[in-house]
PDB file of N, CA and C in Angstrom:
ATOM      1  N   MET A   1       0.845  -1.183   0.000  1.00  0.00           N
ATOM      2  CA  MET A   1       0.000   0.000   0.000  1.00  0.00           C
ATOM      3  C   MET A   1       0.886   1.241   0.000  1.00  0.00           C
ATOM      4  N   ALA A   2       0.317   2.306  -0.550  1.00  0.00           N
ATOM      5  CA  ALA A   2       1.036   3.573  -0.608  1.00  0.00           C
ATOM      6  C   ALA A   2       0.064   4.701  -0.308  1.00  0.00           C
ATOM      7  N   THR A   3       0.606   5.787   0.186  1.00  0.00           N
ATOM      8  CA  THR A   3      -0.180   6.999   0.349  1.00  0.00           C
ATOM      9  C   THR A   3       0.066   7.857  -0.874  1.00  0.00           C
ATOM     10  N   ILE A   4      -1.014   8.237  -1.557  1.00  0.00           N
ATOM     11  CA  ILE A   4      -0.894   9.089  -2.731  1.00  0.00           C
ATOM     12  C   ILE A   4      -1.436  10.473  -2.397  1.00  0.00           C
ATOM     13  N   ASP A   5      -0.992  11.453  -3.151  1.00  0.00           N
ATOM     14  CA  ASP A   5      -1.416  12.835  -2.939  1.00  0.00           C
ATOM     15  C   ASP A   5      -1.879  13.400  -4.277  1.00  0.00           C
ATOM     16  N   VAL A   6      -3.129  13.818  -4.312  1.00  0.00           N
ATOM     17  CA  VAL A   6      -3.672  14.457  -5.509  1.00  0.00           C
ATOM     18  C   VAL A   6      -4.094  15.863  -5.107  1.00  0.00           C
ATOM     19  N   ASP A   7      -3.256  16.821  -5.452  1.00  0.00           N
ATOM     20  CA  ASP A   7      -3.549  18.221  -5.166  1.00  0.00           C
ATOM     21  C   ASP A   7      -3.855  18.456  -3.690  1.00  0.00           C
ATOM     22  N   GLY A   8      -3.081  17.815  -2.836  1.00  0.00           N
ATOM     23  CA  GLY A   8      -3.229  17.999  -1.400  1.00  0.00           C
ATOM     24  C   GLY A   8      -4.173  17.030  -0.718  1.00  0.00           C
ATOM     25  N   VAL A   9      -4.903  16.229  -1.477  1.00  0.00           N
ATOM     26  CA  VAL A   9      -5.805  15.226  -0.906  1.00  0.00           C
ATOM     27  C   VAL A   9      -5.057  13.901  -0.852  1.00  0.00           C
ATOM     28  N   LYS A  10      -4.919  13.366   0.339  1.00  0.00           N
ATOM     29  CA  LYS A  10      -4.171  12.119   0.518  1.00  0.00           C
ATOM     30  C   LYS A  10      -5.130  10.937   0.606  1.00  0.00           C
ATOM     31  N   ARG A  11      -4.740   9.847  -0.081  1.00  0.00           N
ATOM     32  CA  ARG A  11      -5.523   8.608  -0.097  1.00  0.00           C
ATOM     33  C   ARG A  11      -4.561   7.421  -0.111  1.00  0.00           C
ATOM     34  N   GLU A  12      -5.117   6.263   0.154  1.00  0.00           N
ATOM     35  CA  GLU A  12      -4.343   5.024   0.086  1.00  0.00           C
ATOM     36  C   GLU A  12      -4.584   4.360  -1.264  1.00  0.00           C
ATOM     37  N   ALA A  13      -3.541   3.774  -1.841  1.00  0.00           N
ATOM     38  CA  ALA A  13      -3.660   3.038  -3.098  1.00  0.00           C
ATOM     39  C   ALA A  13      -2.752   1.819  -3.049  1.00  0.00           C
ATOM     40  N   SER A  14      -3.200   0.758  -3.658  1.00  0.00           N
ATOM     41  CA  SER A  14      -2.416  -0.464  -3.732  1.00  0.00           C
ATOM     42  C   SER A  14      -1.405  -0.374  -4.873  1.00  0.00           C
ATOM     43  N   LEU A  15      -0.207  -0.886  -4.636  1.00  0.00           N
ATOM     44  CA  LEU A  15       0.837  -0.954  -5.659  1.00  0.00           C
ATOM     45  C   LEU A  15       1.010  -2.374  -6.206  1.00  0.00           C
ATOM     46  N   LEU A  16       0.078  -3.258  -5.906  1.00  0.00           N
ATOM     47  CA  LEU A  16       0.199  -4.662  -6.323  1.00  0.00           C
ATOM     48  C   LEU A  16       0.323  -4.842  -7.835  1.00  0.00           C
ATOM     49  N   LEU A  17      -0.238  -3.942  -8.617  1.00  0.00           N
ATOM     50  CA  LEU A  17      -0.233  -4.103 -10.075  1.00  0.00           C
ATOM     51  C   LEU A  17       0.989  -3.486 -10.752  1.00  0.00           C
ATOM     52  N   LEU A  18       1.827  -2.797  -9.985  1.00  0.00           N
ATOM     53  CA  LEU A  18       3.026  -2.170 -10.549  1.00  0.00           C
ATOM     54  C   LEU A  18       4.276  -2.768  -9.912  1.00  0.00           C
ATOM     55  N   ASP A  19       5.254  -3.061 -10.740  1.00  0.00           N
ATOM     56  CA  ASP A  19       6.494  -3.636 -10.227  1.00  0.00           C
ATOM     57  C   ASP A  19       7.477  -2.593  -9.737  1.00  0.00           C
ATOM     58  N   ASP A  20       7.459  -1.403 -10.356  1.00  0.00           N
ATOM     59  CA  ASP A  20       8.567  -0.478 -10.133  1.00  0.00           C
ATOM     60  C   ASP A  20       8.166   0.903  -9.620  1.00  0.00           C
ATOM     61  N   ALA A  21       7.011   1.044  -8.989  1.00  0.00           N
ATOM     62  CA  ALA A  21       6.600   2.351  -8.463  1.00  0.00           C
ATOM     63  C   ALA A  21       7.338   2.632  -7.158  1.00  0.00           C
ATOM     64  N   GLY A  22       7.755   3.881  -7.001  1.00  0.00           N
ATOM     65  CA  GLY A  22       8.472   4.262  -5.796  1.00  0.00           C
ATOM     66  C   GLY A  22       8.069   5.653  -5.340  1.00  0.00           C
ATOM     67  N   VAL A  23       8.644   6.069  -4.234  1.00  0.00           N
ATOM     68  CA  VAL A  23       8.371   7.389  -3.676  1.00  0.00           C
ATOM     69  C   VAL A  23       8.722   8.457  -4.714  1.00  0.00           C
ATOM     70  N   GLY A  24       7.780   9.380  -4.923  1.00  0.00           N
ATOM     71  CA  GLY A  24       7.994  10.468  -5.863  1.00  0.00           C
ATOM     72  C   GLY A  24       7.532  10.178  -7.277  1.00  0.00           C
ATOM     73  N   ASP A  25       7.173   8.933  -7.577  1.00  0.00           N
ATOM     74  CA  ASP A  25       6.675   8.592  -8.910  1.00  0.00           C
ATOM     75  C   ASP A  25       5.235   9.067  -9.069  1.00  0.00           C
ATOM     76  N   TYR A  26       4.864   9.311 -10.306  1.00  0.00           N
ATOM     77  CA  TYR A  26       3.491   9.662 -10.654  1.00  0.00           C
ATOM     78  C   TYR A  26       2.827   8.430 -11.242  1.00  0.00           C
ATOM     79  N   VAL A  27       1.614   8.137 -10.751  1.00  0.00           N
ATOM     80  CA  VAL A  27       0.896   6.954 -11.211  1.00  0.00           C
ATOM     81  C   VAL A  27      -0.557   7.294 -11.506  1.00  0.00           C
ATOM     82  N   ILE A  28      -1.155   6.506 -12.390  1.00  0.00           N
ATOM     83  CA  ILE A  28      -2.591   6.566 -12.633  1.00  0.00           C
ATOM     84  C   ILE A  28      -3.228   5.600 -11.641  1.00  0.00           C
ATOM     85  N   VAL A  29      -4.253   6.072 -10.924  1.00  0.00           N
ATOM     86  CA  VAL A  29      -4.935   5.235  -9.939  1.00  0.00           C
ATOM     87  C   VAL A  29      -6.379   5.053 -10.370  1.00  0.00           C
ATOM     88  N   HIS A  30      -6.823   3.803 -10.342  1.00  0.00           N
ATOM     89  CA  HIS A  30      -8.216   3.485 -10.656  1.00  0.00           C
ATOM     90  C   HIS A  30      -8.715   2.485  -9.623  1.00  0.00           C
ATOM     91  N   ALA A  31      -9.844   2.810  -9.023  1.00  0.00           N
ATOM     92  CA  ALA A  31     -10.481   1.922  -8.047  1.00  0.00           C
ATOM     93  C   ALA A  31      -9.525   1.509  -6.928  1.00  0.00           C
ATOM     94  N   GLY A  32      -8.669   2.438  -6.516  1.00  0.00           N
ATOM     95  CA  GLY A  32      -7.771   2.170  -5.404  1.00  0.00           C
ATOM     96  C   GLY A  32      -6.479   1.447  -5.763  1.00  0.00           C
ATOM     97  N   PHE A  33      -6.248   1.207  -7.055  1.00  0.00           N
ATOM     98  CA  PHE A  33      -5.036   0.522  -7.497  1.00  0.00           C
ATOM     99  C   PHE A  33      -4.231   1.419  -8.426  1.00  0.00           C
ATOM    100  N   ALA A  34      -2.938   1.533  -8.173  1.00  0.00           N
ATOM    101  CA  ALA A  34      -2.046   2.206  -9.116  1.00  0.00           C
ATOM    102  C   ALA A  34      -1.905   1.264 -10.306  1.00  0.00           C
ATOM    103  N   ILE A  35      -2.266   1.759 -11.507  1.00  0.00           N
ATOM    104  CA  ILE A  35      -2.297   0.867 -12.669  1.00  0.00           C
ATOM    105  C   ILE A  35      -1.264   1.201 -13.732  1.00  0.00           C
ATOM    106  N   HIS A  36      -0.663   2.395 -13.633  1.00  0.00           N
ATOM    107  CA  HIS A  36       0.301   2.790 -14.660  1.00  0.00           C
ATOM    108  C   HIS A  36       1.188   3.909 -14.129  1.00  0.00           C
ATOM    109  N   LYS A  37       2.469   3.797 -14.360  1.00  0.00           N
ATOM    110  CA  LYS A  37       3.402   4.858 -13.980  1.00  0.00           C
ATOM    111  C   LYS A  37       3.570   5.806 -15.158  1.00  0.00           C
ATOM    112  N   ILE A  38       3.550   7.131 -14.901  1.00  0.00           N
ATOM    113  CA  ILE A  38       3.705   8.124 -15.969  1.00  0.00           C
ATOM    114  C   ILE A  38       4.803   9.110 -15.590  1.00  0.00           C
ATOM    115  N   ASP A  39       5.316   9.818 -16.605  1.00  0.00           N
ATOM    116  CA  ASP A  39       6.380  10.781 -16.323  1.00  0.00           C
ATOM    117  C   ASP A  39       5.799  12.056 -15.713  1.00  0.00           C
ATOM    118  N   GLU A  40       6.666  12.837 -15.102  1.00  0.00           N
ATOM    119  CA  GLU A  40       6.238  14.038 -14.386  1.00  0.00           C
ATOM    120  C   GLU A  40       5.531  15.036 -15.300  1.00  0.00           C
ATOM    121  N   ASP A  41       6.082  15.268 -16.501  1.00  0.00           N
ATOM    122  CA  ASP A  41       5.466  16.231 -17.415  1.00  0.00           C
ATOM    123  C   ASP A  41       4.033  15.820 -17.768  1.00  0.00           C
ATOM    124  N   GLY A  42       3.844  14.552 -18.074  1.00  0.00           N
ATOM    125  CA  GLY A  42       2.511  14.050 -18.394  1.00  0.00           C
ATOM    126  C   GLY A  42       1.562  14.177 -17.209  1.00  0.00           C
ATOM    127  N   ALA A  43       2.064  13.885 -16.020  1.00  0.00           N
ATOM    128  CA  ALA A  43       1.237  13.974 -14.812  1.00  0.00           C
ATOM    129  C   ALA A  43       0.822  15.417 -14.543  1.00  0.00           C
ATOM    130  N   LEU A  44       1.758  16.334 -14.647  1.00  0.00           N
ATOM    131  CA  LEU A  44       1.444  17.740 -14.373  1.00  0.00           C
ATOM    132  C   LEU A  44       0.480  18.307 -15.406  1.00  0.00           C
ATOM    133  N   GLU A  45       0.640  17.920 -16.660  1.00  0.00           N
ATOM    134  CA  GLU A  45      -0.282  18.366 -17.706  1.00  0.00           C
ATOM    135  C   GLU A  45      -1.680  17.809 -17.460  1.00  0.00           C
ATOM    136  N   THR A  46      -1.765  16.546 -17.082  1.00  0.00           N
ATOM    137  CA  THR A  46      -3.056  15.928 -16.788  1.00  0.00           C
ATOM    138  C   THR A  46      -3.736  16.613 -15.610  1.00  0.00           C
ATOM    139  N   LEU A  47      -2.979  16.889 -14.549  1.00  0.00           N
ATOM    140  CA  LEU A  47      -3.549  17.581 -13.393  1.00  0.00           C
ATOM    141  C   LEU A  47      -4.046  18.967 -13.771  1.00  0.00           C
ATOM    142  N   LYS A  48      -3.297  19.660 -14.627  1.00  0.00           N
ATOM    143  CA  LYS A  48      -3.704  20.990 -15.089  1.00  0.00           C
ATOM    144  C   LYS A  48      -5.029  20.909 -15.845  1.00  0.00           C
ATOM    145  N   LEU A  49      -5.138  19.948 -16.753  1.00  0.00           N
ATOM    146  CA  LEU A  49      -6.370  19.791 -17.534  1.00  0.00           C
ATOM    147  C   LEU A  49      -7.559  19.408 -16.652  1.00  0.00           C
ATOM    148  N   LEU A  50      -7.341  18.537 -15.681  1.00  0.00           N
ATOM    149  CA  LEU A  50      -8.419  18.157 -14.768  1.00  0.00           C
ATOM    150  C   LEU A  50      -8.894  19.354 -13.948  1.00  0.00           C
ATOM    151  N   LYS A  51      -7.944  20.183 -13.524  1.00  0.00           N
ATOM    152  CA  LYS A  51      -8.287  21.378 -12.753  1.00  0.00           C
ATOM    153  C   LYS A  51      -9.092  22.353 -13.620  1.00  0.00           C
ATOM    154  N   GLU A  52      -8.684  22.530 -14.871  1.00  0.00           N
ATOM    155  CA  GLU A  52      -9.416  23.411 -15.787  1.00  0.00           C
ATOM    156  C   GLU A  52     -10.836  22.895 -16.021  1.00  0.00           C
ATOM    157  N   ALA A  53     -10.981  21.585 -16.179  1.00  0.00           N
ATOM    158  CA  ALA A  53     -12.303  20.999 -16.388  1.00  0.00           C
ATOM    159  C   ALA A  53     -13.188  21.205 -15.157  1.00  0.00           C
ATOM    160  N   ALA A  54     -12.633  21.010 -13.980  1.00  0.00           N
ATOM    161  CA  ALA A  54     -13.394  21.206 -12.740  1.00  0.00           C
ATOM    162  C   ALA A  54     -13.801  22.669 -12.583  1.00  0.00           C
ATOM    163  N   ASP A  55     -12.901  23.598 -12.910  1.00  0.00           N
ATOM    164  CA  ASP A  55     -13.224  25.024 -12.846  1.00  0.00           C
ATOM    165  C   ASP A  55     -14.346  25.367 -13.820  1.00  0.00           C
ATOM    166  N   TYR A  56     -14.325  24.770 -15.003  1.00  0.00           N
ATOM    167  CA  TYR A  56     -15.366  25.011 -15.998  1.00  0.00           C
ATOM    168  C   TYR A  56     -16.724  24.518 -15.489  1.00  0.00           C
ATOM    169  N   VAL A  57     -16.754  23.315 -14.929  1.00  0.00           N
ATOM    170  CA  VAL A  57     -17.996  22.771 -14.386  1.00  0.00           C
ATOM    171  C   VAL A  57     -18.505  23.672 -13.257  1.00  0.00           C
ATOM    172  N   ASP A  58     -17.607  24.125 -12.388  1.00  0.00           N
ATOM    173  CA  ASP A  58     -18.000  25.035 -11.308  1.00  0.00           C
ATOM    174  C   ASP A  58     -18.619  26.309 -11.860  1.00  0.00           C
ATOM    175  N   SER A  59     -18.025  26.859 -12.907  1.00  0.00           N
ATOM    176  CA  SER A  59     -18.552  28.099 -13.482  1.00  0.00           C
ATOM    177  C   SER A  59     -19.940  27.864 -14.096  1.00  0.00           C
ATOM    178  N   LEU A  60     -20.153  26.711 -14.712  1.00  0.00           N
ATOM    179  CA  LEU A  60     -21.471  26.393 -15.252  1.00  0.00           C
ATOM    180  C   LEU A  60     -22.514  26.258 -14.141  1.00  0.00           C
ATOM    181  N   GLN A  61     -22.130  25.624 -13.062  1.00  0.00           N
ATOM    182  CA  GLN A  61     -23.054  25.445 -11.941  1.00  0.00           C
ATOM    183  C   GLN A  61     -23.386  26.782 -11.299  1.00  0.00           C
ATOM    184  N   LYS A  62     -22.414  27.679 -11.201  1.00  0.00           N
ATOM    185  CA  LYS A  62     -22.678  29.012 -10.648  1.00  0.00           C
ATOM    186  C   LYS A  62     -23.645  29.775 -11.545  1.00  0.00           C
ATOM    187  N   ARG A  63     -23.417  29.702 -12.853  1.00  0.00           N
ATOM    188  CA  ARG A  63     -24.302  30.368 -13.812  1.00  0.00           C
ATOM    189  C   ARG A  63     -25.717  29.809 -13.715  1.00  0.00           C
ATOM    190  N   GLU A  64     -25.796  28.502 -13.596  1.00  0.00           N
ATOM    191  CA  GLU A  64     -27.107  27.852 -13.491  1.00  0.00           C
ATOM    192  C   GLU A  64     -27.822  28.315 -12.227  1.00  0.00           C
ATOM    193  N   GLY A  65     -27.075  28.449 -11.139  1.00  0.00           N
ATOM    194  CA  GLY A  65     -27.657  28.911  -9.874  1.00  0.00           C
ATOM    195  C   GLY A  65     -28.129  30.346  -9.935  1.00  0.00           C
ATOM    196  N   GLU A  66     -27.469  31.166 -10.742  1.00  0.00           N
ATOM    197  CA  GLU A  66     -27.845  32.573 -10.870  1.00  0.00           C
ATOM    198  C   GLU A  66     -29.127  32.741 -11.674  1.00  0.00           C
ATOM    199  N   THR A  67     -29.457  31.789 -12.520  1.00  0.00           N
ATOM    200  CA  THR A  67     -30.634  31.916 -13.382  1.00  0.00           C
ATOM    201  C   THR A  67     -31.886  31.334 -12.742  1.00  0.00           C
ATOM    202  N   LYS A  68     -31.762  30.720 -11.610  1.00  0.00           N
ATOM    203  CA  LYS A  68     -32.931  30.119 -10.927  1.00  0.00           C
ATOM    204  C   LYS A  68     -33.610  31.134 -10.047  1.00  0.00           C
TER     205      LYS A  68
END
């Protein structure tokens, strides 16, 4: 088991499916299992895109709330 950090949120994830994951590595986690190791640039770009998508959804929800 490992402790993972996603933008400050810490969770537990299993490393059983990866042979070579270590401290400081970036991994894709699905259903509590680390399933793929990725490079730092790819991880940071993915986190940026996820944050932008979440901000967009938030802005839509705020707009929707203003029209009710």
